Amino acid sequence: MEKNDRLAEQNRGFFRAKKLLVLNVLSSPGSGKTTFIRETAVQLAGRLRVGVIVGDLATDNDAARLRTAGIPVVQITTGTVCHLDADMIAKACAQVDLDALDVLVIENVGNLVCPADYDLGEDLRVVLLSVTEGEDKPLKYPPMFHSANVAVVTKCDMAAAAGFDRSLALANLQRASHHARIFELSAKTGDGMKPWLDFLAAQRAAVKRKS
């Protein structure tokens, strides 16, 4: 872990020199992470240039879906490893022209346990909670949600069908990650995406000013 932390700080310094906003996006499998990232990239086109590093145990299905957005994508296949680490990210970055990007999104392995312990050098840790997963997910996996800078409630278009208790879910998010900025949206319909996109633009501007 000490080695990973050192490498993460090296990554962070490298990213800042490149004036990149870097997101580490985490969730359980099936939360809509890939669709969320794809629609974020599509809707930021002409405003911010987005590239993605995708981590999966097997297959490059998510990477293929993201490439349909016309953005650079690098696949990391971890095999049996349930998380990405800072060294994997450093090596993947050698495969993409970071100078041609404003935002680098790291789609971590679908898992709410192991990735919580691994700093990748990101600016923001973004954790997704789908309305189909249950309102108590933040309480079941407190380290992950507590480590988040941003919490995104996804698939809000399905909330009624899923019997989603919005008030309870938000209360649980506030309890587990009281410091996190919360967004509620549907990447499929586009509802709620604008505040998220505006937030990213502001965060990228802040990174640029500090560099």
Protein backbone atom coordinates (compact mmCIF):
# COMPACT_ATOMS: atom_id res chain seq x y z
CA MET A 1 0.00 0.00 0.00
CA GLU A 2 2.88 2.39 0.71
CA LYS A 3 4.27 1.69 -2.75
CA ASN A 4 0.88 2.36 -4.30
CA ASP A 5 0.56 5.64 -2.40
CA ARG A 6 3.96 6.80 -3.64
CA LEU A 7 3.07 5.92 -7.23
CA ALA A 8 -0.31 7.63 -6.85
CA GLU A 9 1.41 10.84 -5.81
CA GLN A 10 3.69 10.57 -8.83
CA ASN A 11 0.61 10.11 -11.02
CA ARG A 12 -1.05 13.11 -9.39
CA GLY A 13 1.94 15.34 -10.04
CA PHE A 14 2.12 14.13 -13.64
CA PHE A 15 -1.59 14.78 -14.20
CA ARG A 16 -1.34 18.28 -12.71
CA ALA A 17 1.57 19.09 -15.01
CA LYS A 18 -0.68 18.07 -17.89
CA LYS A 19 -3.54 20.24 -16.50
CA LEU A 20 -5.82 17.20 -16.47
CA LEU A 21 -8.91 16.73 -14.36
CA VAL A 22 -8.84 13.04 -13.36
CA LEU A 23 -11.88 11.12 -12.13
CA ASN A 24 -11.84 7.69 -10.51
CA VAL A 25 -15.36 6.33 -11.12
CA LEU A 26 -16.44 3.42 -8.94
CA SER A 27 -19.57 1.37 -8.41
CA SER A 28 -20.95 -2.12 -8.11
CA PRO A 29 -21.52 -4.03 -11.38
CA GLY A 30 -24.64 -3.01 -13.27
CA SER A 31 -24.98 0.50 -11.85
CA GLY A 32 -24.79 2.10 -15.29
CA LYS A 33 -21.18 3.25 -14.96
CA THR A 34 -20.23 2.80 -18.62
CA THR A 35 -23.36 4.50 -19.94
CA PHE A 36 -22.85 7.35 -17.49
CA ILE A 37 -19.26 7.86 -18.63
CA ARG A 38 -20.16 7.56 -22.31
CA GLU A 39 -22.96 10.12 -22.09
CA THR A 40 -20.73 12.43 -20.06
CA ALA A 41 -18.12 12.33 -22.83
CA VAL A 42 -20.70 12.77 -25.61
CA GLN A 43 -22.37 15.74 -23.96
CA LEU A 44 -19.04 17.41 -23.17
CA ALA A 45 -17.94 17.20 -26.81
CA GLY A 46 -16.89 20.64 -28.03
CA ARG A 47 -16.53 21.79 -24.43
CA LEU A 48 -14.04 19.42 -22.85
CA ARG A 49 -11.96 16.63 -24.39
CA VAL A 50 -12.46 13.34 -22.55
CA GLY A 51 -10.44 10.11 -22.54
CA VAL A 52 -11.12 6.94 -20.58
CA ILE A 53 -9.10 4.14 -18.97
CA VAL A 54 -11.32 1.09 -18.41
CA GLY A 55 -10.64 -1.65 -15.88
CA ASP A 56 -12.32 -5.04 -16.10
CA LEU A 57 -11.47 -8.55 -14.96
CA ALA A 58 -12.17 -9.86 -18.46
CA THR A 59 -13.44 -8.77 -21.91
CA ASP A 60 -13.18 -5.35 -23.55
CA ASN A 61 -16.94 -4.92 -23.94
CA ASP A 62 -17.11 -1.67 -21.97
CA ALA A 63 -14.15 -0.22 -23.85
CA ALA A 64 -15.83 -1.05 -27.16
CA ARG A 65 -19.02 0.70 -26.05
CA LEU A 66 -17.08 3.79 -25.01
CA ARG A 67 -15.21 3.96 -28.31
CA THR A 68 -18.53 4.45 -30.10
CA ALA A 69 -18.48 7.95 -28.56
CA GLY A 70 -15.39 8.73 -30.65
CA ILE A 71 -13.11 9.17 -27.64
CA PRO A 72 -9.72 7.61 -26.84
CA VAL A 73 -10.08 4.53 -24.64
CA VAL A 74 -7.43 2.29 -23.05
CA GLN A 75 -8.40 -1.13 -21.71
CA ILE A 76 -6.83 -2.68 -18.61
CA THR A 77 -7.70 -6.37 -18.13
CA THR A 78 -6.91 -7.31 -14.54
CA GLY A 79 -7.59 -11.06 -14.65
CA THR A 80 -8.29 -12.02 -11.04
CA VAL A 81 -7.45 -8.63 -9.52
CA CYS A 82 -10.57 -6.84 -8.24
CA HIS A 83 -9.25 -3.27 -8.45
CA LEU A 84 -6.98 -0.93 -10.38
CA ASP A 85 -3.80 0.39 -8.80
CA ALA A 86 -1.56 3.37 -9.43
CA ASP A 87 1.04 1.38 -11.38
CA MET A 88 -1.61 0.05 -13.78
CA ILE A 89 -2.78 3.61 -14.42
CA ALA A 90 0.74 4.90 -15.03
CA LYS A 91 1.34 2.19 -17.62
CA ALA A 92 -2.04 2.76 -19.30
CA CYS A 93 -1.34 6.49 -19.59
CA ALA A 94 1.58 5.71 -21.88
CA GLN A 95 -0.97 4.48 -24.43
CA VAL A 96 -2.95 7.73 -24.73
CA ASP A 97 -2.03 11.29 -25.73
CA LEU A 98 -2.81 13.08 -22.48
CA ASP A 99 -1.90 16.44 -24.02
CA ALA A 100 -4.99 16.06 -26.23
CA LEU A 101 -7.31 15.68 -23.19
CA ASP A 102 -8.91 17.93 -20.60
CA VAL A 103 -10.54 15.17 -18.54
CA LEU A 104 -9.30 11.64 -17.91
CA VAL A 105 -11.92 9.25 -16.58
CA ILE A 106 -10.82 6.01 -14.93
CA GLU A 107 -13.60 3.44 -14.96
CA ASN A 108 -12.57 1.19 -12.11
CA VAL A 109 -13.45 -2.49 -11.76
CA GLY A 110 -17.07 -3.01 -10.67
CA ASN A 111 -16.57 -3.55 -6.95
CA LEU A 112 -17.43 -1.56 -3.82
CA VAL A 113 -14.79 -3.14 -1.57
CA CYS A 114 -11.19 -3.44 -2.86
CA PRO A 115 -10.95 -0.22 -4.91
CA ALA A 116 -11.68 1.91 -1.84
CA ASP A 117 -8.13 1.31 -0.57
CA TYR A 118 -6.28 2.30 -3.74
CA ASP A 119 -5.43 5.90 -4.57
CA LEU A 120 -4.78 6.20 -8.30
CA GLY A 121 -3.70 9.84 -8.33
CA GLU A 122 -7.18 11.14 -9.15
CA ASP A 123 -8.58 14.56 -8.35
CA LEU A 124 -12.07 13.28 -7.61
CA ARG A 125 -13.41 9.93 -6.49
CA VAL A 126 -16.89 9.50 -7.94
CA VAL A 127 -19.10 6.71 -6.55
CA LEU A 128 -22.34 5.66 -8.24
CA LEU A 129 -25.49 4.37 -6.57
CA SER A 130 -28.19 3.01 -8.88
CA VAL A 131 -31.83 3.27 -7.85
CA THR A 132 -32.10 -0.47 -8.55
CA GLU A 133 -29.48 -1.37 -5.91
CA GLY A 134 -31.36 -0.43 -2.77
CA GLU A 135 -31.23 2.59 -0.50
CA ASP A 136 -28.95 0.94 2.08
CA LYS A 137 -25.93 0.43 -0.22
CA PRO A 138 -24.00 3.38 1.34
CA LEU A 139 -24.45 1.85 4.79
CA LYS A 140 -23.35 -1.61 3.64
CA TYR A 141 -20.15 -0.29 2.04
CA PRO A 142 -19.19 2.71 4.19
CA PRO A 143 -15.44 2.86 3.34
CA MET A 144 -16.18 3.32 -0.36
CA PHE A 145 -18.90 5.92 0.08
CA HIS A 146 -17.00 7.72 2.84
CA SER A 147 -13.99 8.06 0.52
CA ALA A 148 -16.07 9.67 -2.23
CA ASN A 149 -15.78 13.31 -3.22
CA VAL A 150 -18.88 12.91 -5.38
CA ALA A 151 -21.86 10.54 -5.13
CA VAL A 152 -24.09 10.08 -8.18
CA VAL A 153 -27.54 8.50 -7.98
CA THR A 154 -28.02 6.86 -11.37
CA LYS A 155 -30.94 5.41 -13.39
CA CYS A 156 -33.34 7.91 -11.84
CA ASP A 157 -35.76 7.27 -14.71
CA MET A 158 -36.32 3.82 -13.15
CA ALA A 159 -36.92 5.05 -9.60
CA ALA A 160 -40.70 4.54 -9.56
CA ALA A 161 -40.51 1.07 -11.11
CA ALA A 162 -37.82 0.05 -8.61
CA GLY A 163 -39.79 1.39 -5.64
CA PHE A 164 -36.85 3.64 -4.81
CA ASP A 165 -37.14 5.62 -1.58
CA ARG A 166 -35.31 8.81 -2.55
CA SER A 167 -35.44 10.45 0.89
CA LEU A 168 -34.02 7.39 2.61
CA ALA A 169 -31.29 6.96 0.00
CA LEU A 170 -30.20 10.59 0.31
CA ALA A 171 -30.23 10.35 4.09
CA ASN A 172 -28.00 7.27 3.90
CA LEU A 173 -25.65 9.01 1.49
CA GLN A 174 -25.41 11.99 3.80
CA ARG A 175 -24.66 9.65 6.69
CA ALA A 176 -21.94 7.67 4.87
CA SER A 177 -20.45 10.48 2.78
CA HIS A 178 -21.62 13.72 4.33
CA HIS A 179 -18.85 15.71 2.63
CA ALA A 180 -19.61 14.46 -0.90
CA ARG A 181 -21.35 16.47 -3.60
CA ILE A 182 -24.49 14.57 -4.64
CA PHE A 183 -26.01 14.45 -8.12
CA GLU A 184 -29.20 12.68 -9.20
CA LEU A 185 -29.54 11.86 -12.88
CA SER A 186 -30.42 9.52 -15.70
CA ALA A 187 -27.73 9.14 -18.34
CA LYS A 188 -30.28 7.37 -20.54
CA THR A 189 -32.81 10.22 -20.65
CA GLY A 190 -30.40 13.07 -19.93
CA ASP A 191 -32.37 14.31 -16.92
CA GLY A 192 -30.03 15.81 -14.33
CA MET A 193 -26.94 15.65 -16.54
CA LYS A 194 -26.48 19.42 -16.94
CA PRO A 195 -25.56 20.14 -13.29
CA TRP A 196 -23.06 17.28 -13.43
CA LEU A 197 -21.50 18.56 -16.67
CA ASP A 198 -21.32 22.11 -15.34
CA PHE A 199 -19.65 20.81 -12.20
CA LEU A 200 -17.00 19.03 -14.28
CA ALA A 201 -16.36 22.16 -16.34
CA ALA A 202 -15.85 24.17 -13.14
CA GLN A 203 -13.54 21.53 -11.67
CA ARG A 204 -11.47 21.43 -14.87
CA ALA A 205 -11.19 25.25 -14.82
CA ALA A 206 -9.98 25.08 -11.21
CA VAL A 207 -7.32 22.50 -12.13
CA LYS A 208 -6.17 24.67 -15.01
CA ARG A 209 -5.85 27.73 -12.76
CA LYS A 210 -3.75 25.81 -10.22
CA SER A 211 -1.37 24.35 -12.81
